[in-house]
Amino acid sequence: MSALTEPNTITAVITKESAEKLGLAEGDDVTAIIKSTEVIIGK
């Protein structure tokens, strides 16, 4: 398991319905849990 050690920005696309169910608002602090068999990172 890896963790980001500095403040960072992760961008994700979710549906409006999911954002509403989670009660998300712009600027909220959240925790990102990434579950994937593939993660593609570009530089």
C-alpha atoms as a PDB file:
ATOM      1  CA  MET A   1       0.000   0.000   0.000  1.00  0.00           C
ATOM      2  CA  SER A   2       1.266   3.452  -0.852  1.00  0.00           C
ATOM      3  CA  ALA A   3       0.275   6.849   0.460  1.00  0.00           C
ATOM      4  CA  LEU A   4       0.848  10.376  -0.771  1.00  0.00           C
ATOM      5  CA  THR A   5       2.957  12.211   1.772  1.00  0.00           C
ATOM      6  CA  GLU A   6       2.302  15.775   0.618  1.00  0.00           C
ATOM      7  CA  PRO A   7      -0.888  17.588  -0.315  1.00  0.00           C
ATOM      8  CA  ASN A   8      -1.680  16.508  -3.866  1.00  0.00           C
ATOM      9  CA  THR A   9      -4.526  16.752  -6.322  1.00  0.00           C
ATOM     10  CA  ILE A  10      -6.138  13.672  -7.810  1.00  0.00           C
ATOM     11  CA  THR A  11      -8.761  14.236 -10.480  1.00  0.00           C
ATOM     12  CA  ALA A  12     -11.561  11.742 -10.992  1.00  0.00           C
ATOM     13  CA  VAL A  13     -14.748  11.612 -13.023  1.00  0.00           C
ATOM     14  CA  ILE A  14     -17.861  10.427 -11.204  1.00  0.00           C
ATOM     15  CA  THR A  15     -21.532  10.761 -12.000  1.00  0.00           C
ATOM     16  CA  LYS A  16     -23.636  13.599 -10.598  1.00  0.00           C
ATOM     17  CA  GLU A  17     -25.773  10.966  -8.877  1.00  0.00           C
ATOM     18  CA  SER A  18     -22.742   9.503  -7.078  1.00  0.00           C
ATOM     19  CA  ALA A  19     -21.550  12.952  -5.972  1.00  0.00           C
ATOM     20  CA  GLU A  20     -25.019  13.687  -4.579  1.00  0.00           C
ATOM     21  CA  LYS A  21     -25.199  10.326  -2.761  1.00  0.00           C
ATOM     22  CA  LEU A  22     -21.817  11.062  -1.143  1.00  0.00           C
ATOM     23  CA  GLY A  23     -22.858  14.604  -0.280  1.00  0.00           C
ATOM     24  CA  LEU A  24     -19.801  16.017  -2.046  1.00  0.00           C
ATOM     25  CA  ALA A  25     -19.307  19.723  -2.498  1.00  0.00           C
ATOM     26  CA  GLU A  26     -16.551  21.620  -4.300  1.00  0.00           C
ATOM     27  CA  GLY A  27     -13.539  22.006  -2.023  1.00  0.00           C
ATOM     28  CA  ASP A  28     -14.386  19.054   0.252  1.00  0.00           C
ATOM     29  CA  ASP A  29     -11.452  17.040   1.589  1.00  0.00           C
ATOM     30  CA  VAL A  30     -11.877  13.375   0.665  1.00  0.00           C
ATOM     31  CA  THR A  31      -9.943  10.117   0.761  1.00  0.00           C
ATOM     32  CA  ALA A  32      -9.180   8.354  -2.522  1.00  0.00           C
ATOM     33  CA  ILE A  33      -9.145   4.572  -2.444  1.00  0.00           C
ATOM     34  CA  ILE A  34      -7.906   3.183  -5.738  1.00  0.00           C
ATOM     35  CA  LYS A  35      -8.877  -0.377  -6.607  1.00  0.00           C
ATOM     36  CA  SER A  36      -7.686  -1.364 -10.025  1.00  0.00           C
ATOM     37  CA  THR A  37      -5.806  -4.046 -11.876  1.00  0.00           C
ATOM     38  CA  GLU A  38      -4.197  -1.342 -14.009  1.00  0.00           C
ATOM     39  CA  VAL A  39      -3.104   2.190 -13.226  1.00  0.00           C
ATOM     40  CA  ILE A  40      -1.712   4.237 -16.092  1.00  0.00           C
ATOM     41  CA  ILE A  41       0.445   7.201 -15.143  1.00  0.00           C
ATOM     42  CA  GLY A  42       1.932   9.518 -17.743  1.00  0.00           C
ATOM     43  CA  LYS A  43       4.597  12.153 -17.548  1.00  0.00           C
END
